[in-house]
Amino acid sequence: MSLKPDTLRIGGRYNWKNQPERLVYLGLCEPRNGRWHQFAKVDAPDVVWCEVIDADLSNFEVTPAARPQCAVGGMFRPGVMCGSVIVGGKLCGFAGDCTHKRAAAA
């Protein structure tokens, strides 16, 4: 699904398709030479990193929400591994409450 100008929200998380940079939408800038959508890197949200026109938004996608992390690496008891842990014990895939689940890093 391609992004459209009316679907962007200020503070929303986006990225160029198939690229590692994670961006936050700053808003629309309207200088004399046209309308530009401004994005900053998540690590530096006050610094404009790129500006794009409406036509370029088809190359963007909404950044998926980060998964919560597992504080014990999936090993909740010695010799007992959690069945919901993913990516080598780093991420938690359990849908319910768990005392070992930690919020995802921003």
PDB file of N, CA and C in Angstrom:
ATOM      1  N   MET A   1       0.832  -1.173   0.000  1.00  0.00           N
ATOM      2  CA  MET A   1       0.000   0.000   0.000  1.00  0.00           C
ATOM      3  C   MET A   1       0.885   1.247   0.000  1.00  0.00           C
ATOM      4  N   SER A   2       0.667   2.126  -0.922  1.00  0.00           N
ATOM      5  CA  SER A   2       1.445   3.354  -1.020  1.00  0.00           C
ATOM      6  C   SER A   2       0.896   4.411  -0.065  1.00  0.00           C
ATOM      7  N   LEU A   3       1.798   5.199   0.464  1.00  0.00           N
ATOM      8  CA  LEU A   3       1.379   6.301   1.334  1.00  0.00           C
ATOM      9  C   LEU A   3       0.840   7.441   0.489  1.00  0.00           C
ATOM     10  N   LYS A   4      -0.118   8.133   1.019  1.00  0.00           N
ATOM     11  CA  LYS A   4      -0.697   9.310   0.376  1.00  0.00           C
ATOM     12  C   LYS A   4      -0.521  10.477   1.347  1.00  0.00           C
ATOM     13  N   PRO A   5      -0.478  11.704   0.829  1.00  0.00           N
ATOM     14  CA  PRO A   5      -0.273  12.857   1.710  1.00  0.00           C
ATOM     15  C   PRO A   5      -1.279  12.941   2.856  1.00  0.00           C
ATOM     16  N   ASP A   6      -2.517  12.552   2.615  1.00  0.00           N
ATOM     17  CA  ASP A   6      -3.529  12.665   3.665  1.00  0.00           C
ATOM     18  C   ASP A   6      -3.459  11.535   4.699  1.00  0.00           C
ATOM     19  N   THR A   7      -2.594  10.533   4.492  1.00  0.00           N
ATOM     20  CA  THR A   7      -2.458   9.453   5.469  1.00  0.00           C
ATOM     21  C   THR A   7      -1.273   9.654   6.407  1.00  0.00           C
ATOM     22  N   LEU A   8      -0.397  10.617   6.088  1.00  0.00           N
ATOM     23  CA  LEU A   8       0.753  10.894   6.954  1.00  0.00           C
ATOM     24  C   LEU A   8       0.298  11.598   8.217  1.00  0.00           C
ATOM     25  N   ARG A   9       0.947  11.274   9.326  1.00  0.00           N
ATOM     26  CA  ARG A   9       0.647  11.996  10.565  1.00  0.00           C
ATOM     27  C   ARG A   9       1.952  12.467  11.188  1.00  0.00           C
ATOM     28  N   ILE A  10       1.942  13.687  11.686  1.00  0.00           N
ATOM     29  CA  ILE A  10       3.129  14.252  12.305  1.00  0.00           C
ATOM     30  C   ILE A  10       3.506  13.391  13.506  1.00  0.00           C
ATOM     31  N   GLY A  11       4.777  13.017  13.564  1.00  0.00           N
ATOM     32  CA  GLY A  11       5.265  12.125  14.614  1.00  0.00           C
ATOM     33  C   GLY A  11       5.160  10.659  14.246  1.00  0.00           C
ATOM     34  N   GLY A  12       4.526  10.354  13.119  1.00  0.00           N
ATOM     35  CA  GLY A  12       4.400   8.968  12.662  1.00  0.00           C
ATOM     36  C   GLY A  12       5.743   8.417  12.223  1.00  0.00           C
ATOM     37  N   ARG A  13       5.888   7.097  12.306  1.00  0.00           N
ATOM     38  CA  ARG A  13       7.142   6.434  11.939  1.00  0.00           C
ATOM     39  C   ARG A  13       7.022   5.832  10.544  1.00  0.00           C
ATOM     40  N   TYR A  14       8.001   6.150   9.687  1.00  0.00           N
ATOM     41  CA  TYR A  14       8.001   5.705   8.299  1.00  0.00           C
ATOM     42  C   TYR A  14       9.428   5.330   7.895  1.00  0.00           C
ATOM     43  N   ASN A  15       9.564   4.698   6.754  1.00  0.00           N
ATOM     44  CA  ASN A  15      10.877   4.430   6.186  1.00  0.00           C
ATOM     45  C   ASN A  15      10.752   4.260   4.682  1.00  0.00           C
ATOM     46  N   TRP A  16      11.878   4.497   3.992  1.00  0.00           N
ATOM     47  CA  TRP A  16      11.930   4.195   2.569  1.00  0.00           C
ATOM     48  C   TRP A  16      11.802   2.684   2.447  1.00  0.00           C
ATOM     49  N   LYS A  17      11.118   2.206   1.455  1.00  0.00           N
ATOM     50  CA  LYS A  17      10.966   0.758   1.268  1.00  0.00           C
ATOM     51  C   LYS A  17      12.336   0.108   1.122  1.00  0.00           C
ATOM     52  N   ASN A  18      12.527  -1.003   1.814  1.00  0.00           N
ATOM     53  CA  ASN A  18      13.754  -1.809   1.755  1.00  0.00           C
ATOM     54  C   ASN A  18      15.003  -1.070   2.211  1.00  0.00           C
ATOM     55  N   GLN A  19      14.856  -0.079   3.076  1.00  0.00           N
ATOM     56  CA  GLN A  19      16.002   0.661   3.588  1.00  0.00           C
ATOM     57  C   GLN A  19      15.996   0.631   5.116  1.00  0.00           C
ATOM     58  N   PRO A  20      17.173   0.689   5.735  1.00  0.00           N
ATOM     59  CA  PRO A  20      17.256   0.550   7.193  1.00  0.00           C
ATOM     60  C   PRO A  20      16.914   1.814   7.992  1.00  0.00           C
ATOM     61  N   GLU A  21      17.035   2.996   7.393  1.00  0.00           N
ATOM     62  CA  GLU A  21      16.799   4.226   8.150  1.00  0.00           C
ATOM     63  C   GLU A  21      15.345   4.305   8.598  1.00  0.00           C
ATOM     64  N   ARG A  22      15.159   4.582   9.886  1.00  0.00           N
ATOM     65  CA  ARG A  22      13.818   4.742  10.440  1.00  0.00           C
ATOM     66  C   ARG A  22      13.581   6.226  10.641  1.00  0.00           C
ATOM     67  N   LEU A  23      12.455   6.694  10.112  1.00  0.00           N
ATOM     68  CA  LEU A  23      12.183   8.124  10.049  1.00  0.00           C
ATOM     69  C   LEU A  23      10.922   8.504  10.804  1.00  0.00           C
ATOM     70  N   VAL A  24      10.870   9.767  11.198  1.00  0.00           N
ATOM     71  CA  VAL A  24       9.687  10.333  11.830  1.00  0.00           C
ATOM     72  C   VAL A  24       9.238  11.508  10.952  1.00  0.00           C
ATOM     73  N   TYR A  25       7.925  11.611  10.742  1.00  0.00           N
ATOM     74  CA  TYR A  25       7.383  12.657   9.877  1.00  0.00           C
ATOM     75  C   TYR A  25       7.281  13.965  10.643  1.00  0.00           C
ATOM     76  N   LEU A  26       7.871  15.030  10.084  1.00  0.00           N
ATOM     77  CA  LEU A  26       7.861  16.336  10.729  1.00  0.00           C
ATOM     78  C   LEU A  26       6.734  17.233  10.244  1.00  0.00           C
ATOM     79  N   GLY A  27       6.283  17.006   9.032  1.00  0.00           N
ATOM     80  CA  GLY A  27       5.206  17.832   8.496  1.00  0.00           C
ATOM     81  C   GLY A  27       5.515  18.322   7.105  1.00  0.00           C
ATOM     82  N   LEU A  28       4.670  19.219   6.646  1.00  0.00           N
ATOM     83  CA  LEU A  28       4.748  19.738   5.283  1.00  0.00           C
ATOM     84  C   LEU A  28       5.369  21.127   5.300  1.00  0.00           C
ATOM     85  N   CYS A  29       6.313  21.348   4.435  1.00  0.00           N
ATOM     86  CA  CYS A  29       6.962  22.637   4.283  1.00  0.00           C
ATOM     87  C   CYS A  29       6.540  23.182   2.917  1.00  0.00           C
ATOM     88  N   GLU A  30       6.135  24.439   2.868  1.00  0.00           N
ATOM     89  CA  GLU A  30       5.695  25.020   1.599  1.00  0.00           C
ATOM     90  C   GLU A  30       6.514  26.262   1.253  1.00  0.00           C
ATOM     91  N   PRO A  31       7.767  26.078   0.834  1.00  0.00           N
ATOM     92  CA  PRO A  31       8.553  27.224   0.381  1.00  0.00           C
ATOM     93  C   PRO A  31       8.078  27.660  -1.007  1.00  0.00           C
ATOM     94  N   ARG A  32       8.731  28.608  -1.584  1.00  0.00           N
ATOM     95  CA  ARG A  32       8.322  29.133  -2.900  1.00  0.00           C
ATOM     96  C   ARG A  32       8.396  28.099  -4.015  1.00  0.00           C
ATOM     97  N   ASN A  33       9.266  27.119  -3.872  1.00  0.00           N
ATOM     98  CA  ASN A  33       9.458  26.156  -4.967  1.00  0.00           C
ATOM     99  C   ASN A  33       8.645  24.877  -4.820  1.00  0.00           C
ATOM    100  N   GLY A  34       7.584  24.888  -4.059  1.00  0.00           N
ATOM    101  CA  GLY A  34       6.712  23.720  -3.981  1.00  0.00           C
ATOM    102  C   GLY A  34       6.495  23.212  -2.570  1.00  0.00           C
ATOM    103  N   ARG A  35       5.761  22.111  -2.495  1.00  0.00           N
ATOM    104  CA  ARG A  35       5.439  21.487  -1.202  1.00  0.00           C
ATOM    105  C   ARG A  35       6.376  20.317  -0.963  1.00  0.00           C
ATOM    106  N   TRP A  36       6.963  20.265   0.213  1.00  0.00           N
ATOM    107  CA  TRP A  36       7.898  19.205   0.564  1.00  0.00           C
ATOM    108  C   TRP A  36       7.490  18.578   1.891  1.00  0.00           C
ATOM    109  N   HIS A  37       7.449  17.256   1.923  1.00  0.00           N
ATOM    110  CA  HIS A  37       7.211  16.522   3.163  1.00  0.00           C
ATOM    111  C   HIS A  37       8.569  16.308   3.817  1.00  0.00           C
ATOM    112  N   GLN A  38       8.689  16.694   5.079  1.00  0.00           N
ATOM    113  CA  GLN A  38       9.971  16.608   5.779  1.00  0.00           C
ATOM    114  C   GLN A  38       9.995  15.433   6.747  1.00  0.00           C
ATOM    115  N   PHE A  39      11.132  14.718   6.733  1.00  0.00           N
ATOM    116  CA  PHE A  39      11.344  13.573   7.599  1.00  0.00           C
ATOM    117  C   PHE A  39      12.682  13.725   8.320  1.00  0.00           C
ATOM    118  N   ALA A  40      12.738  13.245   9.551  1.00  0.00           N
ATOM    119  CA  ALA A  40      13.979  13.214  10.333  1.00  0.00           C
ATOM    120  C   ALA A  40      14.247  11.772  10.724  1.00  0.00           C
ATOM    121  N   LYS A  41      15.498  11.463  11.017  1.00  0.00           N
ATOM    122  CA  LYS A  41      15.815  10.138  11.545  1.00  0.00           C
ATOM    123  C   LYS A  41      15.273  10.043  12.961  1.00  0.00           C
ATOM    124  N   VAL A  42      14.852   8.865  13.352  1.00  0.00           N
ATOM    125  CA  VAL A  42      14.319   8.649  14.696  1.00  0.00           C
ATOM    126  C   VAL A  42      15.353   9.035  15.752  1.00  0.00           C
ATOM    127  N   ASP A  43      16.638   8.799  15.461  1.00  0.00           N
ATOM    128  CA  ASP A  43      17.716   9.119  16.404  1.00  0.00           C
ATOM    129  C   ASP A  43      17.925  10.618  16.590  1.00  0.00           C
ATOM    130  N   ALA A  44      17.542  11.417  15.600  1.00  0.00           N
ATOM    131  CA  ALA A  44      17.716  12.878  15.652  1.00  0.00           C
ATOM    132  C   ALA A  44      16.425  13.533  15.150  1.00  0.00           C
ATOM    133  N   PRO A  45      15.358  13.485  15.937  1.00  0.00           N
ATOM    134  CA  PRO A  45      14.040  13.913  15.461  1.00  0.00           C
ATOM    135  C   PRO A  45      13.864  15.404  15.206  1.00  0.00           C
ATOM    136  N   ASP A  46      14.849  16.211  15.540  1.00  0.00           N
ATOM    137  CA  ASP A  46      14.743  17.652  15.307  1.00  0.00           C
ATOM    138  C   ASP A  46      15.504  18.120  14.073  1.00  0.00           C
ATOM    139  N   VAL A  47      16.176  17.206  13.396  1.00  0.00           N
ATOM    140  CA  VAL A  47      16.992  17.555  12.243  1.00  0.00           C
ATOM    141  C   VAL A  47      16.372  16.960  10.978  1.00  0.00           C
ATOM    142  N   VAL A  48      16.022  17.817  10.026  1.00  0.00           N
ATOM    143  CA  VAL A  48      15.445  17.316   8.770  1.00  0.00           C
ATOM    144  C   VAL A  48      16.494  16.481   8.052  1.00  0.00           C
ATOM    145  N   TRP A  49      16.133  15.229   7.743  1.00  0.00           N
ATOM    146  CA  TRP A  49      17.058  14.314   7.070  1.00  0.00           C
ATOM    147  C   TRP A  49      16.756  14.215   5.583  1.00  0.00           C
ATOM    148  N   CYS A  50      15.470  14.296   5.225  1.00  0.00           N
ATOM    149  CA  CYS A  50      15.118  14.282   3.808  1.00  0.00           C
ATOM    150  C   CYS A  50      13.805  15.018   3.595  1.00  0.00           C
ATOM    151  N   GLU A  51      13.653  15.527   2.385  1.00  0.00           N
ATOM    152  CA  GLU A  51      12.424  16.190   1.971  1.00  0.00           C
ATOM    153  C   GLU A  51      11.976  15.537   0.677  1.00  0.00           C
ATOM    154  N   VAL A  52      10.704  15.227   0.582  1.00  0.00           N
ATOM    155  CA  VAL A  52      10.189  14.562  -0.616  1.00  0.00           C
ATOM    156  C   VAL A  52       8.890  15.222  -1.067  1.00  0.00           C
ATOM    157  N   ILE A  53       8.613  15.081  -2.354  1.00  0.00           N
ATOM    158  CA  ILE A  53       7.357  15.579  -2.903  1.00  0.00           C
ATOM    159  C   ILE A  53       6.303  14.474  -2.827  1.00  0.00           C
ATOM    160  N   ASP A  54       5.055  14.833  -3.069  1.00  0.00           N
ATOM    161  CA  ASP A  54       3.955  13.871  -2.987  1.00  0.00           C
ATOM    162  C   ASP A  54       4.227  12.601  -3.794  1.00  0.00           C
ATOM    163  N   ALA A  55       4.772  12.747  -4.991  1.00  0.00           N
ATOM    164  CA  ALA A  55       5.003  11.590  -5.863  1.00  0.00           C
ATOM    165  C   ALA A  55       5.986  10.590  -5.256  1.00  0.00           C
ATOM    166  N   ASP A  56       6.905  11.057  -4.416  1.00  0.00           N
ATOM    167  CA  ASP A  56       7.901  10.168  -3.800  1.00  0.00           C
ATOM    168  C   ASP A  56       7.332   9.334  -2.653  1.00  0.00           C
ATOM    169  N   LEU A  57       6.164   9.688  -2.155  1.00  0.00           N
ATOM    170  CA  LEU A  57       5.591   8.956  -1.022  1.00  0.00           C
ATOM    171  C   LEU A  57       5.270   7.500  -1.369  1.00  0.00           C
ATOM    172  N   SER A  58       5.169   7.188  -2.646  1.00  0.00           N
ATOM    173  CA  SER A  58       4.922   5.792  -3.042  1.00  0.00           C
ATOM    174  C   SER A  58       6.118   4.902  -2.720  1.00  0.00           C
ATOM    175  N   ASN A  59       7.272   5.514  -2.454  1.00  0.00           N
ATOM    176  CA  ASN A  59       8.481   4.762  -2.092  1.00  0.00           C
ATOM    177  C   ASN A  59       8.649   4.609  -0.587  1.00  0.00           C
ATOM    178  N   PHE A  60       7.663   5.059   0.184  1.00  0.00           N
ATOM    179  CA  PHE A  60       7.697   4.976   1.639  1.00  0.00           C
ATOM    180  C   PHE A  60       6.718   3.924   2.131  1.00  0.00           C
ATOM    181  N   GLU A  61       6.956   3.456   3.349  1.00  0.00           N
ATOM    182  CA  GLU A  61       6.026   2.552   4.019  1.00  0.00           C
ATOM    183  C   GLU A  61       5.989   2.899   5.503  1.00  0.00           C
ATOM    184  N   VAL A  62       4.904   2.517   6.147  1.00  0.00           N
ATOM    185  CA  VAL A  62       4.799   2.711   7.586  1.00  0.00           C
ATOM    186  C   VAL A  62       5.753   1.736   8.262  1.00  0.00           C
ATOM    187  N   THR A  63       6.543   2.223   9.205  1.00  0.00           N
ATOM    188  CA  THR A  63       7.462   1.362   9.936  1.00  0.00           C
ATOM    189  C   THR A  63       6.656   0.491  10.893  1.00  0.00           C
ATOM    190  N   PRO A  64       6.807  -0.829  10.815  1.00  0.00           N
ATOM    191  CA  PRO A  64       6.060  -1.693  11.733  1.00  0.00           C
ATOM    192  C   PRO A  64       6.469  -1.458  13.184  1.00  0.00           C
ATOM    193  N   ALA A  65       5.523  -1.624  14.074  1.00  0.00           N
ATOM    194  CA  ALA A  65       5.802  -1.451  15.503  1.00  0.00           C
ATOM    195  C   ALA A  65       6.836  -2.480  15.951  1.00  0.00           C
ATOM    196  N   ALA A  66       7.721  -2.051  16.814  1.00  0.00           N
ATOM    197  CA  ALA A  66       8.754  -2.955  17.332  1.00  0.00           C
ATOM    198  C   ALA A  66       8.136  -3.948  18.314  1.00  0.00           C
ATOM    199  N   ARG A  67       8.612  -5.158  18.287  1.00  0.00           N
ATOM    200  CA  ARG A  67       8.132  -6.190  19.203  1.00  0.00           C
ATOM    201  C   ARG A  67       8.760  -6.008  20.575  1.00  0.00           C
ATOM    202  N   PRO A  68       8.045  -6.419  21.615  1.00  0.00           N
ATOM    203  CA  PRO A  68       8.643  -6.370  22.951  1.00  0.00           C
ATOM    204  C   PRO A  68       9.803  -7.358  23.048  1.00  0.00           C
ATOM    205  N   GLN A  69      10.698  -7.117  23.972  1.00  0.00           N
ATOM    206  CA  GLN A  69      11.862  -7.979  24.151  1.00  0.00           C
ATOM    207  C   GLN A  69      11.682  -8.890  25.353  1.00  0.00           C
ATOM    208  N   CYS A  70      12.419  -9.991  25.341  1.00  0.00           N
ATOM    209  CA  CYS A  70      12.386 -10.946  26.451  1.00  0.00           C
ATOM    210  C   CYS A  70      13.588 -10.668  27.356  1.00  0.00           C
ATOM    211  N   ALA A  71      13.299 -10.352  28.617  1.00  0.00           N
ATOM    212  CA  ALA A  71      14.354 -10.000  29.572  1.00  0.00           C
ATOM    213  C   ALA A  71      15.254 -11.175  29.935  1.00  0.00           C
ATOM    214  N   VAL A  72      14.770 -12.396  29.756  1.00  0.00           N
ATOM    215  CA  VAL A  72      15.558 -13.575  30.150  1.00  0.00           C
ATOM    216  C   VAL A  72      15.997 -14.403  28.947  1.00  0.00           C
ATOM    217  N   GLY A  73      15.898 -13.833  27.770  1.00  0.00           N
ATOM    218  CA  GLY A  73      16.346 -14.535  26.564  1.00  0.00           C
ATOM    219  C   GLY A  73      15.603 -15.819  26.283  1.00  0.00           C
ATOM    220  N   GLY A  74      14.336 -15.891  26.720  1.00  0.00           N
ATOM    221  CA  GLY A  74      13.522 -17.065  26.466  1.00  0.00           C
ATOM    222  C   GLY A  74      13.705 -18.199  27.462  1.00  0.00           C
ATOM    223  N   MET A  75      14.706 -18.089  28.326  1.00  0.00           N
ATOM    224  CA  MET A  75      15.001 -19.144  29.301  1.00  0.00           C
ATOM    225  C   MET A  75      14.424 -18.724  30.652  1.00  0.00           C
ATOM    226  N   PHE A  76      13.144 -19.043  30.871  1.00  0.00           N
ATOM    227  CA  PHE A  76      12.496 -18.550  32.089  1.00  0.00           C
ATOM    228  C   PHE A  76      12.789 -19.394  33.323  1.00  0.00           C
ATOM    229  N   ARG A  77      13.325 -20.588  33.136  1.00  0.00           N
ATOM    230  CA  ARG A  77      13.811 -21.447  34.215  1.00  0.00           C
ATOM    231  C   ARG A  77      14.990 -22.220  33.662  1.00  0.00           C
ATOM    232  N   PRO A  78      15.948 -22.605  34.498  1.00  0.00           N
ATOM    233  CA  PRO A  78      17.080 -23.378  33.973  1.00  0.00           C
ATOM    234  C   PRO A  78      16.606 -24.617  33.203  1.00  0.00           C
ATOM    235  N   GLY A  79      17.010 -24.699  31.958  1.00  0.00           N
ATOM    236  CA  GLY A  79      16.663 -25.841  31.124  1.00  0.00           C
ATOM    237  C   GLY A  79      15.275 -25.787  30.506  1.00  0.00           C
ATOM    238  N   VAL A  80      14.522 -24.714  30.738  1.00  0.00           N
ATOM    239  CA  VAL A  80      13.159 -24.604  30.198  1.00  0.00           C
ATOM    240  C   VAL A  80      13.068 -23.361  29.329  1.00  0.00           C
ATOM    241  N   MET A  81      12.814 -23.581  28.051  1.00  0.00           N
ATOM    242  CA  MET A  81      12.748 -22.493  27.076  1.00  0.00           C
ATOM    243  C   MET A  81      11.297 -22.132  26.786  1.00  0.00           C
ATOM    244  N   CYS A  82      11.015 -20.863  26.675  1.00  0.00           N
ATOM    245  CA  CYS A  82       9.678 -20.367  26.341  1.00  0.00           C
ATOM    246  C   CYS A  82       9.369 -20.694  24.882  1.00  0.00           C
ATOM    247  N   GLY A  83       8.154 -21.135  24.613  1.00  0.00           N
ATOM    248  CA  GLY A  83       7.757 -21.466  23.243  1.00  0.00           C
ATOM    249  C   GLY A  83       7.384 -20.260  22.398  1.00  0.00           C
ATOM    250  N   SER A  84       7.323 -19.077  22.989  1.00  0.00           N
ATOM    251  CA  SER A  84       6.921 -17.871  22.251  1.00  0.00           C
ATOM    252  C   SER A  84       8.073 -16.936  21.934  1.00  0.00           C
ATOM    253  N   VAL A  85       9.265 -17.319  22.323  1.00  0.00           N
ATOM    254  CA  VAL A  85      10.415 -16.457  22.074  1.00  0.00           C
ATOM    255  C   VAL A  85      10.836 -16.587  20.606  1.00  0.00           C
ATOM    256  N   ILE A  86      11.270 -15.460  20.029  1.00  0.00           N
ATOM    257  CA  ILE A  86      11.683 -15.465  18.616  1.00  0.00           C
ATOM    258  C   ILE A  86      13.020 -14.745  18.468  1.00  0.00           C
ATOM    259  N   VAL A  87      13.657 -14.936  17.337  1.00  0.00           N
ATOM    260  CA  VAL A  87      14.939 -14.336  16.990  1.00  0.00           C
ATOM    261  C   VAL A  87      15.989 -14.618  18.062  1.00  0.00           C
ATOM    262  N   GLY A  88      16.272 -15.868  18.270  1.00  0.00           N
ATOM    263  CA  GLY A  88      17.340 -16.272  19.175  1.00  0.00           C
ATOM    264  C   GLY A  88      17.146 -15.871  20.627  1.00  0.00           C
ATOM    265  N   GLY A  89      15.912 -15.767  21.063  1.00  0.00           N
ATOM    266  CA  GLY A  89      15.638 -15.427  22.452  1.00  0.00           C
ATOM    267  C   GLY A  89      15.548 -13.945  22.731  1.00  0.00           C
ATOM    268  N   LYS A  90      15.721 -13.127  21.723  1.00  0.00           N
ATOM    269  CA  LYS A  90      15.730 -11.687  21.941  1.00  0.00           C
ATOM    270  C   LYS A  90      14.321 -11.095  22.022  1.00  0.00           C
ATOM    271  N   LEU A  91      13.433 -11.509  21.142  1.00  0.00           N
ATOM    272  CA  LEU A  91      12.099 -10.914  21.060  1.00  0.00           C
ATOM    273  C   LEU A  91      11.019 -11.822  21.622  1.00  0.00           C
ATOM    274  N   CYS A  92       9.980 -11.199  22.182  1.00  0.00           N
ATOM    275  CA  CYS A  92       8.870 -11.937  22.769  1.00  0.00           C
ATOM    276  C   CYS A  92       7.697 -11.968  21.795  1.00  0.00           C
ATOM    277  N   GLY A  93       7.190 -13.157  21.537  1.00  0.00           N
ATOM    278  CA  GLY A  93       6.045 -13.307  20.655  1.00  0.00           C
ATOM    279  C   GLY A  93       4.779 -13.690  21.403  1.00  0.00           C
ATOM    280  N   PHE A  94       4.837 -13.692  22.725  1.00  0.00           N
ATOM    281  CA  PHE A  94       3.695 -14.078  23.551  1.00  0.00           C
ATOM    282  C   PHE A  94       2.665 -12.953  23.566  1.00  0.00           C
ATOM    283  N   ALA A  95       1.404 -13.275  23.271  1.00  0.00           N
ATOM    284  CA  ALA A  95       0.355 -12.258  23.171  1.00  0.00           C
ATOM    285  C   ALA A  95      -0.144 -11.779  24.533  1.00  0.00           C
ATOM    286  N   GLY A  96      -0.014 -12.585  25.560  1.00  0.00           N
ATOM    287  CA  GLY A  96      -0.531 -12.219  26.884  1.00  0.00           C
ATOM    288  C   GLY A  96       0.494 -11.523  27.761  1.00  0.00           C
ATOM    289  N   ASP A  97       0.159 -11.440  29.039  1.00  0.00           N
ATOM    290  CA  ASP A  97       1.064 -10.832  30.018  1.00  0.00           C
ATOM    291  C   ASP A  97       2.173 -11.826  30.377  1.00  0.00           C
ATOM    292  N   CYS A  98       3.369 -11.294  30.598  1.00  0.00           N
ATOM    293  CA  CYS A  98       4.511 -12.112  31.000  1.00  0.00           C
ATOM    294  C   CYS A  98       5.416 -11.234  31.842  1.00  0.00           C
ATOM    295  N   THR A  99       5.888 -11.744  32.943  1.00  0.00           N
ATOM    296  CA  THR A  99       6.763 -10.949  33.815  1.00  0.00           C
ATOM    297  C   THR A  99       8.116 -10.666  33.183  1.00  0.00           C
ATOM    298  N   HIS A 100       8.479 -11.408  32.135  1.00  0.00           N
ATOM    299  CA  HIS A 100       9.780 -11.218  31.493  1.00  0.00           C
ATOM    300  C   HIS A 100       9.711 -10.327  30.263  1.00  0.00           C
ATOM    301  N   LYS A 101       8.522  -9.918  29.867  1.00  0.00           N
ATOM    302  CA  LYS A 101       8.347  -9.083  28.676  1.00  0.00           C
ATOM    303  C   LYS A 101       8.735  -7.637  28.993  1.00  0.00           C
ATOM    304  N   ARG A 102       9.579  -7.057  28.144  1.00  0.00           N
ATOM    305  CA  ARG A 102      10.020  -5.672  28.296  1.00  0.00           C
ATOM    306  C   ARG A 102       9.603  -4.877  27.058  1.00  0.00           C
ATOM    307  N   ALA A 103       9.282  -3.628  27.267  1.00  0.00           N
ATOM    308  CA  ALA A 103       8.861  -2.780  26.154  1.00  0.00           C
ATOM    309  C   ALA A 103       9.975  -2.708  25.112  1.00  0.00           C
ATOM    310  N   ALA A 104       9.560  -2.603  23.862  1.00  0.00           N
ATOM    311  CA  ALA A 104      10.513  -2.508  22.770  1.00  0.00           C
ATOM    312  C   ALA A 104      11.302  -1.208  22.859  1.00  0.00           C
ATOM    313  N   ALA A 105      12.540  -1.251  22.430  1.00  0.00           N
ATOM    314  CA  ALA A 105      13.361  -0.036  22.378  1.00  0.00           C
ATOM    315  C   ALA A 105      12.781   0.898  21.323  1.00  0.00           C
ATOM    316  N   ALA A 106      12.795   2.183  21.612  1.00  0.00           N
ATOM    317  CA  ALA A 106      12.208   3.170  20.689  1.00  0.00           C
ATOM    318  C   ALA A 106      12.957   3.295  19.409  1.00  0.00           C
TER     319      ALA A 106
END
